[in-house]
Amino acid sequence: MYASYAFVRHMLLLTATPIALVVIIPLWLAWHYGVAYAPPAGIADAILQAIGMACMVLGAVLLGSCLYQIAQRGRDELAPWDPPRRLIFRGPYRRVRNPMLSGVLFLLVGEACFFQSWLYAAVAAGFLMISLVFVPLLEEPQLEARFGDDYRRYRRHVWRFLPRLRPWNPEAD
């Protein structure tokens, strides 16, 4: 019983931050500052909105695949308040080291492009700046201390935020 409660609590915590960042805050900004969808006025607008849709799809796939990986294992440690006990080389982690952060970033950039909103772009830039400070200064040194050479090898082959086109295969390396 406790294990299922802990799993549900963990999943809620892992989904609350992305939902707040890509749904609740943009909705509040849209309401407060009048951000709204506008049909494309020309080819440049249509291209920008198509790029936005592609970014949102990529972001949703990254987030969804992370949550699927967690659900498949029943319990995992992917949040700052619950550090990992083992290095994960499966699923989206074979393409990008921080798929949840990358997913949120792609969703935020996608929203900014799709709605053609400088305000949404500022939110995406702010999230990127926080991630660029938090991950290399706090998270990565802890992972390197915990996992040593395995993590250093992983870091050499898998990018921090941009997904690889082909998944990394640690056995073939």
Protein backbone atom coordinates (compact mmCIF):
# COMPACT_ATOMS: atom_id res chain seq x y z
CA MET A 1 0.00 0.00 0.00
CA TYR A 2 2.76 2.45 0.97
CA ALA A 3 4.71 1.65 -2.21
CA SER A 4 1.74 2.57 -4.43
CA TYR A 5 1.16 5.77 -2.41
CA ALA A 6 4.83 6.70 -2.75
CA PHE A 7 4.72 6.04 -6.49
CA VAL A 8 1.59 8.18 -6.99
CA ARG A 9 3.12 10.97 -4.87
CA HIS A 10 6.34 10.79 -6.87
CA MET A 11 4.50 10.90 -10.22
CA LEU A 12 2.38 13.86 -9.08
CA LEU A 13 5.48 15.77 -8.02
CA LEU A 14 7.22 14.97 -11.31
CA THR A 15 4.25 16.13 -13.37
CA ALA A 16 3.32 19.18 -11.27
CA THR A 17 6.32 21.28 -12.28
CA PRO A 18 6.00 20.70 -16.05
CA ILE A 19 2.24 21.31 -15.89
CA ALA A 20 2.77 24.54 -13.96
CA LEU A 21 5.44 25.73 -16.40
CA VAL A 22 3.80 24.83 -19.70
CA VAL A 23 0.09 25.10 -18.87
CA ILE A 24 -0.75 27.12 -15.75
CA ILE A 25 1.78 29.96 -16.13
CA PRO A 26 1.11 30.44 -19.88
CA LEU A 27 -2.65 30.46 -19.24
CA TRP A 28 -2.21 33.06 -16.52
CA LEU A 29 0.03 35.15 -18.79
CA ALA A 30 -2.47 34.83 -21.63
CA TRP A 31 -5.30 35.99 -19.38
CA HIS A 32 -3.30 38.75 -17.69
CA TYR A 33 -1.44 40.11 -20.73
CA GLY A 34 -3.81 39.20 -23.56
CA VAL A 35 -1.65 36.58 -25.28
CA ALA A 36 -3.86 34.85 -27.85
CA TYR A 37 -3.58 32.72 -30.94
CA ALA A 38 -3.57 34.63 -34.22
CA PRO A 39 -3.85 32.88 -37.57
CA PRO A 40 -0.71 33.28 -39.66
CA ALA A 41 -0.64 36.56 -41.59
CA GLY A 42 1.92 35.28 -44.07
CA ILE A 43 4.36 32.53 -44.90
CA ALA A 44 6.84 33.61 -42.20
CA ASP A 45 4.13 33.41 -39.52
CA ALA A 46 3.02 29.99 -40.80
CA ILE A 47 6.60 28.70 -40.71
CA LEU A 48 7.11 30.05 -37.19
CA GLN A 49 3.89 28.41 -36.03
CA ALA A 50 4.86 25.12 -37.68
CA ILE A 51 8.23 25.25 -35.88
CA GLY A 52 6.31 25.91 -32.68
CA MET A 53 4.09 22.87 -33.23
CA ALA A 54 7.13 20.68 -33.98
CA CYS A 55 8.84 21.87 -30.78
CA MET A 56 5.71 21.19 -28.74
CA VAL A 57 5.40 17.67 -30.18
CA LEU A 58 9.08 16.94 -29.42
CA GLY A 59 8.68 18.32 -25.89
CA ALA A 60 5.57 16.24 -25.25
CA VAL A 61 7.29 13.10 -26.57
CA LEU A 62 10.31 13.67 -24.29
CA LEU A 63 8.17 14.28 -21.21
CA GLY A 64 5.82 11.42 -22.01
CA SER A 65 8.64 8.97 -22.59
CA CYS A 66 10.24 9.92 -19.26
CA LEU A 67 7.01 9.39 -17.38
CA TYR A 68 6.50 6.09 -19.21
CA GLN A 69 10.00 4.93 -18.20
CA ILE A 70 9.25 5.81 -14.57
CA ALA A 71 5.90 4.04 -14.65
CA GLN A 72 7.47 0.92 -16.20
CA ARG A 73 9.94 0.64 -13.34
CA GLY A 74 7.32 1.40 -10.72
CA ARG A 75 9.48 3.85 -8.81
CA ASP A 76 12.44 5.93 -9.81
CA GLU A 77 14.55 8.78 -8.62
CA LEU A 78 14.52 11.60 -11.15
CA ALA A 79 13.83 14.64 -9.04
CA PRO A 80 16.22 16.90 -7.08
CA TRP A 81 14.49 15.93 -3.83
CA ASP A 82 14.99 12.23 -4.58
CA PRO A 83 18.42 11.72 -6.25
CA PRO A 84 19.05 8.70 -8.49
CA ARG A 85 20.55 5.53 -7.09
CA ARG A 86 21.55 4.20 -10.49
CA LEU A 87 22.52 5.73 -13.81
CA ILE A 88 19.80 5.31 -16.42
CA PHE A 89 20.81 4.52 -20.02
CA ARG A 90 17.37 3.53 -21.37
CA GLY A 91 14.61 5.28 -23.24
CA PRO A 92 15.00 9.02 -23.74
CA TYR A 93 18.19 9.04 -21.64
CA ARG A 94 19.99 7.41 -24.58
CA ARG A 95 19.30 10.59 -26.57
CA VAL A 96 19.53 13.42 -24.02
CA ARG A 97 20.82 13.64 -20.44
CA ASN A 98 17.96 15.79 -19.15
CA PRO A 99 14.88 14.76 -21.13
CA MET A 100 12.38 16.21 -18.68
CA LEU A 101 14.06 19.63 -18.68
CA SER A 102 14.50 19.41 -22.45
CA GLY A 103 10.86 18.48 -22.87
CA VAL A 104 9.72 21.48 -20.85
CA LEU A 105 12.12 23.75 -22.75
CA PHE A 106 10.89 22.51 -26.15
CA LEU A 107 7.28 23.01 -25.02
CA LEU A 108 8.00 26.56 -23.85
CA VAL A 109 9.86 27.47 -27.05
CA GLY A 110 7.05 25.88 -29.04
CA GLU A 111 4.43 27.95 -27.24
CA ALA A 112 6.45 31.12 -27.84
CA CYS A 113 6.71 30.36 -31.58
CA PHE A 114 3.15 29.14 -32.01
CA PHE A 115 1.60 32.14 -30.24
CA GLN A 116 4.33 34.48 -31.54
CA SER A 117 4.67 35.86 -28.03
CA TRP A 118 7.73 37.68 -26.75
CA LEU A 119 6.36 37.16 -23.24
CA TYR A 120 6.33 33.38 -23.72
CA ALA A 121 9.82 33.62 -25.24
CA ALA A 122 10.98 35.43 -22.09
CA VAL A 123 9.56 32.59 -19.95
CA ALA A 124 11.41 30.05 -22.12
CA ALA A 125 14.64 32.07 -21.90
CA GLY A 126 14.28 32.36 -18.11
CA PHE A 127 13.74 28.61 -17.79
CA LEU A 128 16.78 27.97 -20.01
CA MET A 129 18.96 30.32 -17.93
CA ILE A 130 17.92 28.63 -14.68
CA SER A 131 18.60 25.21 -16.22
CA LEU A 132 21.98 26.31 -17.56
CA VAL A 133 22.98 27.30 -14.04
CA PHE A 134 21.29 24.54 -12.02
CA VAL A 135 22.31 21.51 -14.07
CA PRO A 136 26.08 22.06 -14.53
CA LEU A 137 26.69 23.69 -11.15
CA LEU A 138 24.52 21.53 -8.90
CA GLU A 139 23.17 18.40 -10.55
CA GLU A 140 26.08 17.24 -12.70
CA PRO A 141 28.78 17.44 -9.97
CA GLN A 142 26.55 15.34 -7.71
CA LEU A 143 26.03 12.76 -10.45
CA GLU A 144 29.74 12.67 -11.22
CA ALA A 145 30.55 12.16 -7.54
CA ARG A 146 27.95 9.41 -7.24
CA PHE A 147 28.64 7.53 -10.49
CA GLY A 148 32.23 8.49 -11.39
CA ASP A 149 33.61 7.22 -14.69
CA ASP A 150 30.25 5.84 -15.85
CA TYR A 151 28.72 9.30 -15.67
CA ARG A 152 31.75 10.99 -17.28
CA ARG A 153 31.51 8.53 -20.18
CA TYR A 154 27.78 9.13 -20.51
CA ARG A 155 28.32 12.91 -20.43
CA ARG A 156 30.87 12.67 -23.27
CA HIS A 157 28.37 10.91 -25.54
CA VAL A 158 24.96 12.34 -24.67
CA TRP A 159 24.22 16.06 -24.75
CA ARG A 160 22.75 17.92 -21.83
CA PHE A 161 19.62 19.44 -23.45
CA LEU A 162 19.61 18.74 -27.20
CA PRO A 163 18.59 15.20 -28.16
CA ARG A 164 20.88 13.09 -30.32
CA LEU A 165 19.39 11.94 -33.61
CA ARG A 166 20.55 8.36 -32.98
CA PRO A 167 20.35 6.90 -29.48
CA TRP A 168 23.64 6.25 -27.72
CA ASN A 169 24.48 2.59 -27.21
CA PRO A 170 26.77 2.21 -24.17
CA GLU A 171 27.61 -1.40 -25.09
CA ALA A 172 28.85 -0.44 -28.57
CA ASP A 173 31.00 2.40 -27.28
